Amino acid sequence: MTATADFMEGEDASFLSEDKQTSAMHNRPTDEARVMQRSVQRLMGASLMVAAVGLWVMPGSSWDTDLLLFKLALSLTGGLAGFGLLLASSTPRDPRVEIDTIRREVRVVRPAKGVGDIILRRCGFDDLARAEQDGPRVRMWDRNDDLLVDITMKNRDALFSLVGGLRDVGKLGQNAG
């Protein structure tokens, strides 16, 4: 067992990005600029790959020996660039919330292939602006008074540990819960 305790058993946390709330289980960020960027990348990638194949299969394409090397280089470059654009346009994985009551911090992390987890946001219990508890639901705000996490805890022991840690640093009132 490590010092880091990930209390989320399943995907029952909500994560708020700077502009829109997203649920870690159902929704992904709907920032219109990112959606448009990914759509354009996909369209360009597919177009380049179709064009690379089209150089060879279109009727009337030239099979002259002096053009074959040029067509091969152009189709390989277009195909690889198209494949790269398609890969780059993939949607990132959903973030998850980790609450470490030993270190007294909350982390919003995104799992990444090959590099481990990428920490999107980190905030110590003492750096929180405030916290609220309503039964098993706990909400925490960061220093800028932006909602950091809104979680519903399933594990009672984990909830008591979290509430105790928040009360110790004075971020949760004694009458909460």
C-alpha atoms as a PDB file:
ATOM      1  CA  MET A   1       0.000   0.000   0.000  1.00  0.00           C
ATOM      2  CA  THR A   2       1.345   3.408  -0.898  1.00  0.00           C
ATOM      3  CA  ALA A   3       0.938   6.750   0.780  1.00  0.00           C
ATOM      4  CA  THR A   4      -1.248   7.889  -2.076  1.00  0.00           C
ATOM      5  CA  ALA A   5      -4.797   6.773  -1.601  1.00  0.00           C
ATOM      6  CA  ASP A   6      -7.046   6.926  -4.619  1.00  0.00           C
ATOM      7  CA  PHE A   7     -10.476   6.820  -3.061  1.00  0.00           C
ATOM      8  CA  MET A   8     -12.377   6.708  -6.295  1.00  0.00           C
ATOM      9  CA  GLU A   9     -13.773   3.223  -6.818  1.00  0.00           C
ATOM     10  CA  GLY A  10     -15.136   3.590 -10.323  1.00  0.00           C
ATOM     11  CA  GLU A  11     -15.753   6.827 -12.127  1.00  0.00           C
ATOM     12  CA  ASP A  12     -18.043   8.697  -9.741  1.00  0.00           C
ATOM     13  CA  ALA A  13     -16.269  12.037  -9.588  1.00  0.00           C
ATOM     14  CA  SER A  14     -17.023  15.230 -11.383  1.00  0.00           C
ATOM     15  CA  PHE A  15     -14.274  17.459 -12.645  1.00  0.00           C
ATOM     16  CA  LEU A  16     -14.651  21.090 -13.506  1.00  0.00           C
ATOM     17  CA  SER A  17     -12.444  22.573 -16.183  1.00  0.00           C
ATOM     18  CA  GLU A  18     -11.857  26.298 -16.274  1.00  0.00           C
ATOM     19  CA  ASP A  19     -14.731  26.981 -18.629  1.00  0.00           C
ATOM     20  CA  LYS A  20     -17.220  24.116 -18.448  1.00  0.00           C
ATOM     21  CA  GLN A  21     -18.121  21.356 -16.001  1.00  0.00           C
ATOM     22  CA  THR A  22     -17.476  17.850 -17.243  1.00  0.00           C
ATOM     23  CA  SER A  23     -18.348  14.579 -15.649  1.00  0.00           C
ATOM     24  CA  ALA A  24     -15.494  12.110 -15.524  1.00  0.00           C
ATOM     25  CA  MET A  25     -17.869   9.279 -16.322  1.00  0.00           C
ATOM     26  CA  HIS A  26     -20.062  10.564 -19.153  1.00  0.00           C
ATOM     27  CA  ASN A  27     -18.912  13.823 -20.642  1.00  0.00           C
ATOM     28  CA  ARG A  28     -15.740  15.168 -22.145  1.00  0.00           C
ATOM     29  CA  PRO A  29     -14.763  18.818 -22.366  1.00  0.00           C
ATOM     30  CA  THR A  30     -16.830  20.529 -25.042  1.00  0.00           C
ATOM     31  CA  ASP A  31     -14.587  23.461 -25.742  1.00  0.00           C
ATOM     32  CA  GLU A  32     -15.679  24.430 -29.253  1.00  0.00           C
ATOM     33  CA  ALA A  33     -12.193  25.461 -30.379  1.00  0.00           C
ATOM     34  CA  ARG A  34     -10.705  22.077 -29.458  1.00  0.00           C
ATOM     35  CA  VAL A  35     -13.570  20.206 -31.090  1.00  0.00           C
ATOM     36  CA  MET A  36     -13.152  22.214 -34.289  1.00  0.00           C
ATOM     37  CA  GLN A  37      -9.374  21.745 -34.235  1.00  0.00           C
ATOM     38  CA  ARG A  38      -9.728  17.974 -33.914  1.00  0.00           C
ATOM     39  CA  SER A  39     -12.363  17.877 -36.659  1.00  0.00           C
ATOM     40  CA  VAL A  40     -10.144  19.824 -39.046  1.00  0.00           C
ATOM     41  CA  GLN A  41      -7.187  17.588 -38.188  1.00  0.00           C
ATOM     42  CA  ARG A  42      -9.244  14.482 -38.926  1.00  0.00           C
ATOM     43  CA  LEU A  43     -10.504  15.917 -42.203  1.00  0.00           C
ATOM     44  CA  MET A  44      -7.013  16.942 -43.325  1.00  0.00           C
ATOM     45  CA  GLY A  45      -5.530  13.594 -42.284  1.00  0.00           C
ATOM     46  CA  ALA A  46      -8.146  11.619 -44.162  1.00  0.00           C
ATOM     47  CA  SER A  47      -7.776  13.890 -47.204  1.00  0.00           C
ATOM     48  CA  LEU A  48      -4.009  13.425 -47.294  1.00  0.00           C
ATOM     49  CA  MET A  49      -4.328   9.655 -47.041  1.00  0.00           C
ATOM     50  CA  VAL A  50      -6.949   9.531 -49.816  1.00  0.00           C
ATOM     51  CA  ALA A  51      -4.787  11.786 -51.984  1.00  0.00           C
ATOM     52  CA  ALA A  52      -1.764   9.537 -51.401  1.00  0.00           C
ATOM     53  CA  VAL A  53      -3.717   6.526 -52.620  1.00  0.00           C
ATOM     54  CA  GLY A  54      -5.336   8.557 -55.393  1.00  0.00           C
ATOM     55  CA  LEU A  55      -1.938   9.307 -56.954  1.00  0.00           C
ATOM     56  CA  TRP A  56      -1.687   5.634 -57.875  1.00  0.00           C
ATOM     57  CA  VAL A  57      -5.248   4.511 -58.612  1.00  0.00           C
ATOM     58  CA  MET A  58      -6.845   7.474 -60.392  1.00  0.00           C
ATOM     59  CA  PRO A  59      -7.517   6.867 -64.078  1.00  0.00           C
ATOM     60  CA  GLY A  60      -5.007   8.651 -66.269  1.00  0.00           C
ATOM     61  CA  SER A  61      -2.258   8.657 -63.645  1.00  0.00           C
ATOM     62  CA  SER A  62       1.115   8.559 -65.280  1.00  0.00           C
ATOM     63  CA  TRP A  63       3.331   5.484 -64.929  1.00  0.00           C
ATOM     64  CA  ASP A  64       6.380   7.070 -66.517  1.00  0.00           C
ATOM     65  CA  THR A  65       9.597   5.923 -64.903  1.00  0.00           C
ATOM     66  CA  ASP A  66      10.809   9.459 -64.313  1.00  0.00           C
ATOM     67  CA  LEU A  67       7.677  10.257 -62.239  1.00  0.00           C
ATOM     68  CA  LEU A  68       7.439   7.030 -60.239  1.00  0.00           C
ATOM     69  CA  LEU A  69      10.052   8.021 -57.634  1.00  0.00           C
ATOM     70  CA  PHE A  70       8.454  11.436 -57.217  1.00  0.00           C
ATOM     71  CA  LYS A  71       4.974   9.867 -56.824  1.00  0.00           C
ATOM     72  CA  LEU A  72       6.318   7.350 -54.315  1.00  0.00           C
ATOM     73  CA  ALA A  73       7.934  10.054 -52.180  1.00  0.00           C
ATOM     74  CA  LEU A  74       4.832  12.241 -52.381  1.00  0.00           C
ATOM     75  CA  SER A  75       2.435   9.420 -51.513  1.00  0.00           C
ATOM     76  CA  LEU A  76       4.571   8.210 -48.586  1.00  0.00           C
ATOM     77  CA  THR A  77       4.866  11.740 -47.214  1.00  0.00           C
ATOM     78  CA  GLY A  78       1.134  12.385 -47.627  1.00  0.00           C
ATOM     79  CA  GLY A  79       0.189   9.038 -46.119  1.00  0.00           C
ATOM     80  CA  LEU A  80       2.442   9.448 -43.077  1.00  0.00           C
ATOM     81  CA  ALA A  81       1.349  13.065 -42.536  1.00  0.00           C
ATOM     82  CA  GLY A  82      -2.309  12.018 -42.805  1.00  0.00           C
ATOM     83  CA  PHE A  83      -1.811   9.156 -40.377  1.00  0.00           C
ATOM     84  CA  GLY A  84      -0.041  11.508 -37.955  1.00  0.00           C
ATOM     85  CA  LEU A  85      -2.888  14.021 -38.134  1.00  0.00           C
ATOM     86  CA  LEU A  86      -5.431  11.284 -37.482  1.00  0.00           C
ATOM     87  CA  LEU A  87      -3.491  10.094 -34.436  1.00  0.00           C
ATOM     88  CA  ALA A  88      -3.015  13.632 -33.105  1.00  0.00           C
ATOM     89  CA  SER A  89      -6.741  14.326 -33.321  1.00  0.00           C
ATOM     90  CA  SER A  90      -7.699  11.583 -30.876  1.00  0.00           C
ATOM     91  CA  THR A  91      -9.657  12.659 -27.816  1.00  0.00           C
ATOM     92  CA  PRO A  92      -7.662  12.570 -24.567  1.00  0.00           C
ATOM     93  CA  ARG A  93      -8.683  10.207 -21.782  1.00  0.00           C
ATOM     94  CA  ASP A  94     -11.024  11.357 -19.043  1.00  0.00           C
ATOM     95  CA  PRO A  95      -9.364  12.798 -15.943  1.00  0.00           C
ATOM     96  CA  ARG A  96      -9.777  11.202 -12.528  1.00  0.00           C
ATOM     97  CA  VAL A  97      -9.625  12.604  -9.023  1.00  0.00           C
ATOM     98  CA  GLU A  98      -7.081  11.351  -6.497  1.00  0.00           C
ATOM     99  CA  ILE A  99      -7.367  12.390  -2.870  1.00  0.00           C
ATOM    100  CA  ASP A 100      -4.330  11.794  -0.698  1.00  0.00           C
ATOM    101  CA  THR A 101      -5.202  12.241   2.984  1.00  0.00           C
ATOM    102  CA  ILE A 102      -1.622  11.447   4.060  1.00  0.00           C
ATOM    103  CA  ARG A 103      -0.080  14.267   2.004  1.00  0.00           C
ATOM    104  CA  ARG A 104      -3.307  16.252   2.358  1.00  0.00           C
ATOM    105  CA  GLU A 105      -3.757  17.108  -1.288  1.00  0.00           C
ATOM    106  CA  VAL A 106      -6.226  16.707  -4.129  1.00  0.00           C
ATOM    107  CA  ARG A 107      -5.001  15.870  -7.631  1.00  0.00           C
ATOM    108  CA  VAL A 108      -6.818  15.812 -10.950  1.00  0.00           C
ATOM    109  CA  VAL A 109      -4.836  13.463 -13.184  1.00  0.00           C
ATOM    110  CA  ARG A 110      -5.197  12.178 -16.729  1.00  0.00           C
ATOM    111  CA  PRO A 111      -3.866   8.704 -17.518  1.00  0.00           C
ATOM    112  CA  ALA A 112      -1.471   8.746 -20.484  1.00  0.00           C
ATOM    113  CA  LYS A 113      -0.041   5.812 -22.397  1.00  0.00           C
ATOM    114  CA  GLY A 114       3.662   5.251 -21.919  1.00  0.00           C
ATOM    115  CA  VAL A 115       4.352   8.247 -19.667  1.00  0.00           C
ATOM    116  CA  GLY A 116       2.237   7.479 -16.615  1.00  0.00           C
ATOM    117  CA  ASP A 117      -0.267   9.935 -15.232  1.00  0.00           C
ATOM    118  CA  ILE A 118      -0.244  13.626 -16.138  1.00  0.00           C
ATOM    119  CA  ILE A 119      -1.198  15.868 -13.234  1.00  0.00           C
ATOM    120  CA  LEU A 120      -3.640  18.489 -14.507  1.00  0.00           C
ATOM    121  CA  ARG A 121      -4.259  20.231 -11.187  1.00  0.00           C
ATOM    122  CA  ARG A 122      -2.866  19.787  -7.684  1.00  0.00           C
ATOM    123  CA  CYS A 123      -4.042  21.550  -4.564  1.00  0.00           C
ATOM    124  CA  GLY A 124      -3.155  20.956  -0.923  1.00  0.00           C
ATOM    125  CA  PHE A 125      -5.915  20.902   1.659  1.00  0.00           C
ATOM    126  CA  ASP A 126      -4.509  24.070   3.246  1.00  0.00           C
ATOM    127  CA  ASP A 127      -4.513  25.837  -0.175  1.00  0.00           C
ATOM    128  CA  LEU A 128      -8.230  25.265  -0.703  1.00  0.00           C
ATOM    129  CA  ALA A 129     -10.536  28.271  -0.448  1.00  0.00           C
ATOM    130  CA  ARG A 130     -13.284  26.183   1.129  1.00  0.00           C
ATOM    131  CA  ALA A 131     -14.924  22.780   1.176  1.00  0.00           C
ATOM    132  CA  GLU A 132     -18.517  21.646   1.666  1.00  0.00           C
ATOM    133  CA  GLN A 133     -19.949  18.283   2.648  1.00  0.00           C
ATOM    134  CA  ASP A 134     -23.495  17.128   2.014  1.00  0.00           C
ATOM    135  CA  GLY A 135     -23.745  13.498   3.079  1.00  0.00           C
ATOM    136  CA  PRO A 136     -21.341  11.464   0.917  1.00  0.00           C
ATOM    137  CA  ARG A 137     -20.883  14.399  -1.486  1.00  0.00           C
ATOM    138  CA  VAL A 138     -17.847  16.636  -0.981  1.00  0.00           C
ATOM    139  CA  ARG A 139     -17.060  19.774  -2.978  1.00  0.00           C
ATOM    140  CA  MET A 140     -13.749  21.634  -2.839  1.00  0.00           C
ATOM    141  CA  TRP A 141     -12.811  25.032  -4.266  1.00  0.00           C
ATOM    142  CA  ASP A 142      -9.266  26.158  -5.058  1.00  0.00           C
ATOM    143  CA  ARG A 143      -7.599  29.440  -4.102  1.00  0.00           C
ATOM    144  CA  ASN A 144      -9.290  31.322  -6.974  1.00  0.00           C
ATOM    145  CA  ASP A 145     -12.687  30.101  -5.748  1.00  0.00           C
ATOM    146  CA  ASP A 146     -13.054  27.851  -8.817  1.00  0.00           C
ATOM    147  CA  LEU A 147     -14.687  24.487  -8.172  1.00  0.00           C
ATOM    148  CA  LEU A 148     -11.843  21.962  -8.127  1.00  0.00           C
ATOM    149  CA  VAL A 149     -13.750  18.713  -7.501  1.00  0.00           C
ATOM    150  CA  ASP A 150     -17.283  17.579  -6.773  1.00  0.00           C
ATOM    151  CA  ILE A 151     -17.187  13.958  -5.653  1.00  0.00           C
ATOM    152  CA  THR A 152     -19.542  11.434  -4.135  1.00  0.00           C
ATOM    153  CA  MET A 153     -17.686   8.998  -1.914  1.00  0.00           C
ATOM    154  CA  LYS A 154     -18.833   5.366  -1.778  1.00  0.00           C
ATOM    155  CA  ASN A 155     -16.352   4.243   0.877  1.00  0.00           C
ATOM    156  CA  ARG A 156     -17.371   5.464   4.363  1.00  0.00           C
ATOM    157  CA  ASP A 157     -13.870   5.108   5.832  1.00  0.00           C
ATOM    158  CA  ALA A 158     -12.414   7.138   2.986  1.00  0.00           C
ATOM    159  CA  LEU A 159     -15.099   9.802   3.499  1.00  0.00           C
ATOM    160  CA  PHE A 160     -14.361  10.051   7.227  1.00  0.00           C
ATOM    161  CA  SER A 161     -10.632  10.285   6.533  1.00  0.00           C
ATOM    162  CA  LEU A 162     -11.192  13.046   3.970  1.00  0.00           C
ATOM    163  CA  VAL A 163     -13.591  14.992   6.181  1.00  0.00           C
ATOM    164  CA  GLY A 164     -11.199  14.668   9.137  1.00  0.00           C
ATOM    165  CA  GLY A 165      -8.295  15.982   7.053  1.00  0.00           C
ATOM    166  CA  LEU A 166     -10.352  18.931   5.805  1.00  0.00           C
ATOM    167  CA  ARG A 167     -11.512  19.756   9.342  1.00  0.00           C
ATOM    168  CA  ASP A 168      -7.926  19.580  10.647  1.00  0.00           C
ATOM    169  CA  VAL A 169      -6.854  22.358   8.279  1.00  0.00           C
ATOM    170  CA  GLY A 170     -10.021  24.368   8.949  1.00  0.00           C
ATOM    171  CA  LYS A 171     -11.575  24.125   5.492  1.00  0.00           C
ATOM    172  CA  LEU A 172     -14.703  22.255   6.535  1.00  0.00           C
ATOM    173  CA  GLY A 173     -17.039  23.452   9.281  1.00  0.00           C
ATOM    174  CA  GLN A 174     -17.597  21.309  12.376  1.00  0.00           C
ATOM    175  CA  ASN A 175     -21.343  21.126  11.680  1.00  0.00           C
ATOM    176  CA  ALA A 176     -20.957  19.681   8.161  1.00  0.00           C
ATOM    177  CA  GLY A 177     -22.249  16.214   7.321  1.00  0.00           C
END
